[in-house]
Amino acid sequence: MTARALLAPLLPPPVVFAEEFGDPPYARLLAGEAAHVARAVPERRREFTTVRLCARRALTQLGGTAVPLPPRPDGAPRWPAGVVGSMTHCPGYRGAALARRRDVVALGIDAEPAEPLTDGLLEAIALPGERAHIRLLLRARPSIAWDRLLFSAKEAVYKTTFPATGVRLGFEDAAITLDPVDGSFRARLAVPGLVLGGQPRAVLDGRWTAARGLLLTAVTLPAGVRAPPGGRR
């Protein structure tokens, strides 16, 4: 972990994390993990290996042991009993965040390069209102790749909801509003009756940051947080 931890301002204290900005030569896979990337290209194997190094570091912060972390059949990470977590990687960054299930119902993190999306991708992932929102943000603060940040926020929402519910959200199922001032975002979910922590959830709140040529987003749903009436907060 570097001196400047990018995930620190995005996650509440019950959540622990570890991150790397490269692939340490000492990173190794444990038994049961290597088979999942045996035919992958070298870059994929390196990121798969390093992000699990991060996850095991975070797991030890919770008092756990360094166990294998193979993916589930649906691709989501397989965590030890009583643990929730999320992994992310992109060029120049690997990170993992974990918490005890008694403290956090679900969480999701995502990292992306701080670069605009390729032509046409915003139209594919954004609702009409989101596209208008991004145009306003780009005019106000063109130094931020808001379209890529929107994509990252949707990924963080997906990583929060899917492992906990098994419901695969599409890009159109979460309407994101990014706050350019306080580094927060809000996701309004268009999936009726989506239950997290024993309650229907229509709104999820998250945090974002832009630093070191990267964009990071995170959503944390602490245990015991009640859903607001009508999805309002």
C-alpha atoms as a PDB file:
ATOM      1  CA  MET A   1       0.000   0.000   0.000  1.00  0.00           C
ATOM      2  CA  THR A   2       1.330   3.434  -0.830  1.00  0.00           C
ATOM      3  CA  ALA A   3       1.527   6.429   1.501  1.00  0.00           C
ATOM      4  CA  ARG A   4      -1.424   8.008  -0.273  1.00  0.00           C
ATOM      5  CA  ALA A   5      -4.265   5.539  -0.112  1.00  0.00           C
ATOM      6  CA  LEU A   6      -6.864   6.446  -2.719  1.00  0.00           C
ATOM      7  CA  LEU A   7      -9.639   4.333  -1.238  1.00  0.00           C
ATOM      8  CA  ALA A   8      -9.325   5.831   2.253  1.00  0.00           C
ATOM      9  CA  PRO A   9     -11.704   8.798   1.741  1.00  0.00           C
ATOM     10  CA  LEU A  10     -14.276   6.616  -0.031  1.00  0.00           C
ATOM     11  CA  LEU A  11     -14.871   3.967   2.635  1.00  0.00           C
ATOM     12  CA  PRO A  12     -16.264   4.195   6.195  1.00  0.00           C
ATOM     13  CA  PRO A  13     -14.234   2.794   9.122  1.00  0.00           C
ATOM     14  CA  PRO A  14     -15.821  -0.691   9.268  1.00  0.00           C
ATOM     15  CA  VAL A  15     -14.328  -1.334   5.805  1.00  0.00           C
ATOM     16  CA  VAL A  16     -10.663  -2.272   5.421  1.00  0.00           C
ATOM     17  CA  PHE A  17      -8.750  -2.178   2.162  1.00  0.00           C
ATOM     18  CA  ALA A  18      -5.428  -2.689   0.420  1.00  0.00           C
ATOM     19  CA  GLU A  19      -4.218  -1.382  -2.918  1.00  0.00           C
ATOM     20  CA  GLU A  20      -1.248  -1.609  -5.288  1.00  0.00           C
ATOM     21  CA  PHE A  21      -0.183   0.594  -8.171  1.00  0.00           C
ATOM     22  CA  GLY A  22       1.748  -2.129  -9.962  1.00  0.00           C
ATOM     23  CA  ASP A  23       2.328  -5.872  -9.849  1.00  0.00           C
ATOM     24  CA  PRO A  24       4.868  -6.869  -7.164  1.00  0.00           C
ATOM     25  CA  PRO A  25       7.150  -9.686  -8.296  1.00  0.00           C
ATOM     26  CA  TYR A  26       6.473 -11.568  -5.071  1.00  0.00           C
ATOM     27  CA  ALA A  27       2.704 -11.781  -5.660  1.00  0.00           C
ATOM     28  CA  ARG A  28       1.619 -15.401  -5.951  1.00  0.00           C
ATOM     29  CA  LEU A  29      -1.626 -17.287  -6.407  1.00  0.00           C
ATOM     30  CA  LEU A  30      -2.740 -19.915  -3.942  1.00  0.00           C
ATOM     31  CA  ALA A  31      -4.020 -23.402  -4.688  1.00  0.00           C
ATOM     32  CA  GLY A  32      -7.354 -23.314  -6.454  1.00  0.00           C
ATOM     33  CA  GLU A  33      -6.812 -19.881  -8.002  1.00  0.00           C
ATOM     34  CA  ALA A  34      -4.306 -20.461 -10.810  1.00  0.00           C
ATOM     35  CA  ALA A  35      -6.636 -22.674 -12.848  1.00  0.00           C
ATOM     36  CA  HIS A  36      -8.983 -19.727 -13.399  1.00  0.00           C
ATOM     37  CA  VAL A  37      -6.338 -17.791 -15.375  1.00  0.00           C
ATOM     38  CA  ALA A  38      -4.282 -20.664 -16.767  1.00  0.00           C
ATOM     39  CA  ARG A  39      -5.128 -19.715 -20.368  1.00  0.00           C
ATOM     40  CA  ALA A  40      -5.274 -15.949 -19.824  1.00  0.00           C
ATOM     41  CA  VAL A  41      -2.827 -13.471 -21.307  1.00  0.00           C
ATOM     42  CA  PRO A  42       0.050 -12.400 -19.008  1.00  0.00           C
ATOM     43  CA  GLU A  43      -1.522  -9.035 -18.125  1.00  0.00           C
ATOM     44  CA  ARG A  44      -4.737 -10.720 -17.023  1.00  0.00           C
ATOM     45  CA  ARG A  45      -2.787 -13.212 -14.889  1.00  0.00           C
ATOM     46  CA  ARG A  46      -0.820 -10.402 -13.253  1.00  0.00           C
ATOM     47  CA  GLU A  47      -3.863  -8.316 -12.367  1.00  0.00           C
ATOM     48  CA  PHE A  48      -5.742 -11.390 -11.125  1.00  0.00           C
ATOM     49  CA  THR A  49      -2.768 -12.280  -8.914  1.00  0.00           C
ATOM     50  CA  THR A  50      -2.128  -8.811  -7.501  1.00  0.00           C
ATOM     51  CA  VAL A  51      -5.754  -8.010  -6.726  1.00  0.00           C
ATOM     52  CA  ARG A  52      -5.924 -11.211  -4.672  1.00  0.00           C
ATOM     53  CA  LEU A  53      -2.755 -10.194  -2.876  1.00  0.00           C
ATOM     54  CA  CYS A  54      -4.603  -6.991  -1.954  1.00  0.00           C
ATOM     55  CA  ALA A  55      -7.684  -8.929  -0.870  1.00  0.00           C
ATOM     56  CA  ARG A  56      -5.657 -11.219   1.392  1.00  0.00           C
ATOM     57  CA  ARG A  57      -3.955  -8.212   2.974  1.00  0.00           C
ATOM     58  CA  ALA A  58      -7.370  -6.720   3.681  1.00  0.00           C
ATOM     59  CA  LEU A  59      -8.594 -10.062   5.021  1.00  0.00           C
ATOM     60  CA  THR A  60      -5.767 -10.197   7.547  1.00  0.00           C
ATOM     61  CA  GLN A  61      -6.778  -6.713   8.714  1.00  0.00           C
ATOM     62  CA  LEU A  62     -10.132  -8.238   9.620  1.00  0.00           C
ATOM     63  CA  GLY A  63      -8.354 -10.916  11.626  1.00  0.00           C
ATOM     64  CA  GLY A  64      -8.774 -13.576   8.969  1.00  0.00           C
ATOM     65  CA  THR A  65      -6.186 -15.838   7.366  1.00  0.00           C
ATOM     66  CA  ALA A  66      -4.737 -15.715   3.858  1.00  0.00           C
ATOM     67  CA  VAL A  67      -7.060 -18.182   2.145  1.00  0.00           C
ATOM     68  CA  PRO A  68      -7.558 -18.843  -1.591  1.00  0.00           C
ATOM     69  CA  LEU A  69     -10.064 -16.485  -3.204  1.00  0.00           C
ATOM     70  CA  PRO A  70     -11.252 -18.125  -6.424  1.00  0.00           C
ATOM     71  CA  PRO A  71     -14.140 -16.553  -8.341  1.00  0.00           C
ATOM     72  CA  ARG A  72     -17.637 -17.963  -8.022  1.00  0.00           C
ATOM     73  CA  PRO A  73     -19.223 -19.536 -11.112  1.00  0.00           C
ATOM     74  CA  ASP A  74     -20.952 -16.201 -11.784  1.00  0.00           C
ATOM     75  CA  GLY A  75     -17.594 -14.378 -11.680  1.00  0.00           C
ATOM     76  CA  ALA A  76     -18.054 -12.594  -8.355  1.00  0.00           C
ATOM     77  CA  PRO A  77     -15.314 -13.121  -5.727  1.00  0.00           C
ATOM     78  CA  ARG A  78     -15.825 -15.987  -3.301  1.00  0.00           C
ATOM     79  CA  TRP A  79     -15.283 -14.585   0.203  1.00  0.00           C
ATOM     80  CA  PRO A  80     -14.930 -16.460   3.488  1.00  0.00           C
ATOM     81  CA  ALA A  81     -18.079 -16.856   5.580  1.00  0.00           C
ATOM     82  CA  GLY A  82     -19.116 -13.653   7.305  1.00  0.00           C
ATOM     83  CA  VAL A  83     -17.171 -11.393   4.944  1.00  0.00           C
ATOM     84  CA  VAL A  84     -18.343  -9.089   2.156  1.00  0.00           C
ATOM     85  CA  GLY A  85     -15.994  -7.421  -0.253  1.00  0.00           C
ATOM     86  CA  SER A  86     -15.123  -6.131  -3.679  1.00  0.00           C
ATOM     87  CA  MET A  87     -12.078  -6.131  -5.967  1.00  0.00           C
ATOM     88  CA  THR A  88     -11.113  -3.852  -8.814  1.00  0.00           C
ATOM     89  CA  HIS A  89      -8.239  -3.418 -11.240  1.00  0.00           C
ATOM     90  CA  CYS A  90      -7.328  -1.260 -14.197  1.00  0.00           C
ATOM     91  CA  PRO A  91      -4.004  -0.216 -15.769  1.00  0.00           C
ATOM     92  CA  GLY A  92      -1.850   1.097 -12.930  1.00  0.00           C
ATOM     93  CA  TYR A  93      -4.125   0.098 -10.074  1.00  0.00           C
ATOM     94  CA  ARG A  94      -5.365  -2.938  -8.136  1.00  0.00           C
ATOM     95  CA  GLY A  95      -7.467  -2.711  -4.992  1.00  0.00           C
ATOM     96  CA  ALA A  96      -9.707  -4.689  -2.652  1.00  0.00           C
ATOM     97  CA  ALA A  97     -12.087  -3.650   0.136  1.00  0.00           C
ATOM     98  CA  LEU A  98     -13.605  -5.976   2.741  1.00  0.00           C
ATOM     99  CA  ALA A  99     -15.826  -5.800   5.811  1.00  0.00           C
ATOM    100  CA  ARG A 100     -17.552  -8.052   8.283  1.00  0.00           C
ATOM    101  CA  ARG A 101     -21.091  -8.900   7.213  1.00  0.00           C
ATOM    102  CA  ARG A 102     -22.330  -7.897  10.651  1.00  0.00           C
ATOM    103  CA  ASP A 103     -21.092  -4.349   9.926  1.00  0.00           C
ATOM    104  CA  VAL A 104     -21.710  -3.955   6.193  1.00  0.00           C
ATOM    105  CA  VAL A 105     -24.488  -5.484   4.107  1.00  0.00           C
ATOM    106  CA  ALA A 106     -22.812  -4.963   0.746  1.00  0.00           C
ATOM    107  CA  LEU A 107     -20.074  -2.924  -0.871  1.00  0.00           C
ATOM    108  CA  GLY A 108     -18.607  -2.330  -4.304  1.00  0.00           C
ATOM    109  CA  ILE A 109     -15.513  -0.533  -5.587  1.00  0.00           C
ATOM    110  CA  ASP A 110     -14.353   0.297  -9.088  1.00  0.00           C
ATOM    111  CA  ALA A 111     -11.243   1.902 -10.597  1.00  0.00           C
ATOM    112  CA  GLU A 112     -10.862   3.294 -14.100  1.00  0.00           C
ATOM    113  CA  PRO A 113      -8.223   5.288 -15.970  1.00  0.00           C
ATOM    114  CA  ALA A 114      -9.042   9.008 -15.884  1.00  0.00           C
ATOM    115  CA  GLU A 115      -9.681   9.141 -19.613  1.00  0.00           C
ATOM    116  CA  PRO A 116     -12.848   9.862 -21.617  1.00  0.00           C
ATOM    117  CA  LEU A 117     -14.879   6.942 -22.866  1.00  0.00           C
ATOM    118  CA  THR A 118     -14.423   5.903 -26.464  1.00  0.00           C
ATOM    119  CA  ASP A 119     -16.838   7.434 -28.947  1.00  0.00           C
ATOM    120  CA  GLY A 120     -20.339   6.028 -28.708  1.00  0.00           C
ATOM    121  CA  LEU A 121     -19.894   4.306 -25.344  1.00  0.00           C
ATOM    122  CA  LEU A 122     -21.596   7.030 -23.305  1.00  0.00           C
ATOM    123  CA  GLU A 123     -24.732   6.658 -25.417  1.00  0.00           C
ATOM    124  CA  ALA A 124     -24.626   2.914 -24.747  1.00  0.00           C
ATOM    125  CA  ILE A 125     -24.354   3.134 -20.949  1.00  0.00           C
ATOM    126  CA  ALA A 126     -26.143   6.376 -20.029  1.00  0.00           C
ATOM    127  CA  LEU A 127     -29.779   7.341 -19.744  1.00  0.00           C
ATOM    128  CA  PRO A 128     -30.864  10.575 -21.505  1.00  0.00           C
ATOM    129  CA  GLY A 129     -30.898  12.504 -18.226  1.00  0.00           C
ATOM    130  CA  GLU A 130     -27.434  11.212 -17.360  1.00  0.00           C
ATOM    131  CA  ARG A 131     -26.065  12.340 -20.710  1.00  0.00           C
ATOM    132  CA  ALA A 132     -27.411  15.846 -20.100  1.00  0.00           C
ATOM    133  CA  HIS A 133     -25.919  15.773 -16.601  1.00  0.00           C
ATOM    134  CA  ILE A 134     -22.507  14.772 -17.993  1.00  0.00           C
ATOM    135  CA  ARG A 135     -22.580  17.556 -20.595  1.00  0.00           C
ATOM    136  CA  LEU A 136     -23.164  20.128 -17.840  1.00  0.00           C
ATOM    137  CA  LEU A 137     -20.361  18.706 -15.713  1.00  0.00           C
ATOM    138  CA  LEU A 138     -17.932  18.681 -18.636  1.00  0.00           C
ATOM    139  CA  ARG A 139     -18.632  22.350 -19.296  1.00  0.00           C
ATOM    140  CA  ALA A 140     -18.178  23.250 -15.629  1.00  0.00           C
ATOM    141  CA  ARG A 141     -15.093  21.099 -14.925  1.00  0.00           C
ATOM    142  CA  PRO A 142     -13.584  19.773 -18.149  1.00  0.00           C
ATOM    143  CA  SER A 143     -10.519  18.440 -16.306  1.00  0.00           C
ATOM    144  CA  ILE A 144     -12.588  15.456 -15.034  1.00  0.00           C
ATOM    145  CA  ALA A 145     -13.561  12.600 -17.350  1.00  0.00           C
ATOM    146  CA  TRP A 146     -17.155  12.659 -16.128  1.00  0.00           C
ATOM    147  CA  ASP A 147     -18.365  10.136 -18.671  1.00  0.00           C
ATOM    148  CA  ARG A 148     -15.822   7.588 -17.455  1.00  0.00           C
ATOM    149  CA  LEU A 149     -16.691   8.445 -13.851  1.00  0.00           C
ATOM    150  CA  LEU A 150     -20.352   7.732 -14.603  1.00  0.00           C
ATOM    151  CA  PHE A 151     -19.346   4.344 -15.997  1.00  0.00           C
ATOM    152  CA  SER A 152     -17.287   3.634 -12.873  1.00  0.00           C
ATOM    153  CA  ALA A 153     -20.152   4.579 -10.557  1.00  0.00           C
ATOM    154  CA  LYS A 154     -22.470   2.186 -12.386  1.00  0.00           C
ATOM    155  CA  GLU A 155     -19.868  -0.558 -12.040  1.00  0.00           C
ATOM    156  CA  ALA A 156     -19.562   0.092  -8.288  1.00  0.00           C
ATOM    157  CA  VAL A 157     -23.354  -0.111  -7.947  1.00  0.00           C
ATOM    158  CA  TYR A 158     -23.414  -3.404  -9.862  1.00  0.00           C
ATOM    159  CA  LYS A 159     -20.623  -4.838  -7.698  1.00  0.00           C
ATOM    160  CA  THR A 160     -22.603  -3.832  -4.612  1.00  0.00           C
ATOM    161  CA  THR A 161     -25.927  -5.310  -5.634  1.00  0.00           C
ATOM    162  CA  PHE A 162     -25.163  -8.410  -7.694  1.00  0.00           C
ATOM    163  CA  PRO A 163     -23.222 -10.551  -5.164  1.00  0.00           C
ATOM    164  CA  ALA A 164     -25.849  -9.818  -2.506  1.00  0.00           C
ATOM    165  CA  THR A 165     -28.980 -10.310  -4.627  1.00  0.00           C
ATOM    166  CA  GLY A 166     -28.049 -12.289  -7.738  1.00  0.00           C
ATOM    167  CA  VAL A 167     -29.871  -9.661  -9.805  1.00  0.00           C
ATOM    168  CA  ARG A 168     -27.879  -8.517 -12.833  1.00  0.00           C
ATOM    169  CA  LEU A 169     -28.481  -4.810 -13.273  1.00  0.00           C
ATOM    170  CA  GLY A 170     -28.172  -3.286 -16.712  1.00  0.00           C
ATOM    171  CA  PHE A 171     -26.672   0.153 -17.261  1.00  0.00           C
ATOM    172  CA  GLU A 172     -30.210   1.473 -17.621  1.00  0.00           C
ATOM    173  CA  ASP A 173     -31.208   0.159 -14.173  1.00  0.00           C
ATOM    174  CA  ALA A 174     -29.245   2.738 -12.166  1.00  0.00           C
ATOM    175  CA  ALA A 175     -29.641   6.468 -12.772  1.00  0.00           C
ATOM    176  CA  ILE A 176     -26.520   8.180 -11.436  1.00  0.00           C
ATOM    177  CA  THR A 177     -26.170  11.769 -10.247  1.00  0.00           C
ATOM    178  CA  LEU A 178     -22.570  12.869  -9.621  1.00  0.00           C
ATOM    179  CA  ASP A 179     -21.878  15.697  -7.176  1.00  0.00           C
ATOM    180  CA  PRO A 180     -18.859  17.693  -8.424  1.00  0.00           C
ATOM    181  CA  VAL A 181     -18.378  19.493  -5.093  1.00  0.00           C
ATOM    182  CA  ASP A 182     -18.335  16.932  -2.288  1.00  0.00           C
ATOM    183  CA  GLY A 183     -17.177  13.812  -4.153  1.00  0.00           C
ATOM    184  CA  SER A 184     -20.429  11.904  -3.708  1.00  0.00           C
ATOM    185  CA  PHE A 185     -22.899  10.282  -6.079  1.00  0.00           C
ATOM    186  CA  ARG A 186     -26.392   8.878  -5.848  1.00  0.00           C
ATOM    187  CA  ALA A 187     -27.808   5.901  -7.721  1.00  0.00           C
ATOM    188  CA  ARG A 188     -31.568   5.611  -8.129  1.00  0.00           C
ATOM    189  CA  LEU A 189     -32.395   2.012  -8.926  1.00  0.00           C
ATOM    190  CA  ALA A 190     -35.097   1.091 -11.411  1.00  0.00           C
ATOM    191  CA  VAL A 191     -35.523  -2.485 -10.156  1.00  0.00           C
ATOM    192  CA  PRO A 192     -38.674  -2.732  -8.017  1.00  0.00           C
ATOM    193  CA  GLY A 193     -38.282  -4.687  -4.806  1.00  0.00           C
ATOM    194  CA  LEU A 194     -34.482  -5.072  -4.933  1.00  0.00           C
ATOM    195  CA  VAL A 195     -33.737  -6.239  -1.380  1.00  0.00           C
ATOM    196  CA  LEU A 196     -30.452  -5.521   0.392  1.00  0.00           C
ATOM    197  CA  GLY A 197     -30.041  -6.055   4.107  1.00  0.00           C
ATOM    198  CA  GLY A 198     -33.602  -7.308   4.381  1.00  0.00           C
ATOM    199  CA  GLN A 199     -35.099  -4.120   2.956  1.00  0.00           C
ATOM    200  CA  PRO A 200     -36.142  -2.956  -0.511  1.00  0.00           C
ATOM    201  CA  ARG A 201     -33.638  -0.442  -1.836  1.00  0.00           C
ATOM    202  CA  ALA A 202     -34.390   2.248  -4.397  1.00  0.00           C
ATOM    203  CA  VAL A 203     -31.391   4.477  -3.647  1.00  0.00           C
ATOM    204  CA  LEU A 204     -27.702   3.826  -3.035  1.00  0.00           C
ATOM    205  CA  ASP A 205     -25.165   6.512  -2.163  1.00  0.00           C
ATOM    206  CA  GLY A 206     -21.489   6.404  -3.020  1.00  0.00           C
ATOM    207  CA  ARG A 207     -18.228   8.334  -3.073  1.00  0.00           C
ATOM    208  CA  TRP A 208     -15.766   9.140  -5.846  1.00  0.00           C
ATOM    209  CA  THR A 209     -12.274  10.539  -6.248  1.00  0.00           C
ATOM    210  CA  ALA A 210      -9.950  11.526  -9.095  1.00  0.00           C
ATOM    211  CA  ALA A 211      -6.209  11.282  -8.408  1.00  0.00           C
ATOM    212  CA  ARG A 212      -2.986   9.932  -9.895  1.00  0.00           C
ATOM    213  CA  GLY A 213      -4.559   9.582 -13.325  1.00  0.00           C
ATOM    214  CA  LEU A 214      -7.295   7.344 -11.910  1.00  0.00           C
ATOM    215  CA  LEU A 215     -10.992   7.506 -11.109  1.00  0.00           C
ATOM    216  CA  LEU A 216     -12.254   5.492  -8.145  1.00  0.00           C
ATOM    217  CA  THR A 217     -15.809   4.945  -6.939  1.00  0.00           C
ATOM    218  CA  ALA A 218     -17.209   3.089  -3.944  1.00  0.00           C
ATOM    219  CA  VAL A 219     -20.606   2.190  -2.515  1.00  0.00           C
ATOM    220  CA  THR A 220     -20.990   0.963   1.064  1.00  0.00           C
ATOM    221  CA  LEU A 221     -24.266  -0.096   2.654  1.00  0.00           C
ATOM    222  CA  PRO A 222     -23.735  -0.352   6.429  1.00  0.00           C
ATOM    223  CA  ALA A 223     -25.810  -2.886   8.351  1.00  0.00           C
ATOM    224  CA  GLY A 224     -28.805  -1.412  10.100  1.00  0.00           C
ATOM    225  CA  VAL A 225     -29.260   1.504   7.690  1.00  0.00           C
ATOM    226  CA  ARG A 226     -32.950   1.670   6.906  1.00  0.00           C
ATOM    227  CA  ALA A 227     -34.196   2.384   3.427  1.00  0.00           C
ATOM    228  CA  PRO A 228     -35.723   5.891   3.197  1.00  0.00           C
ATOM    229  CA  PRO A 229     -39.494   6.027   2.568  1.00  0.00           C
ATOM    230  CA  GLY A 230     -40.214   6.051  -1.147  1.00  0.00           C
ATOM    231  CA  GLY A 231     -36.540   5.821  -1.975  1.00  0.00           C
ATOM    232  CA  ARG A 232     -35.878   9.390  -0.786  1.00  0.00           C
ATOM    233  CA  ARG A 233     -33.129  10.516   1.578  1.00  0.00           C
END
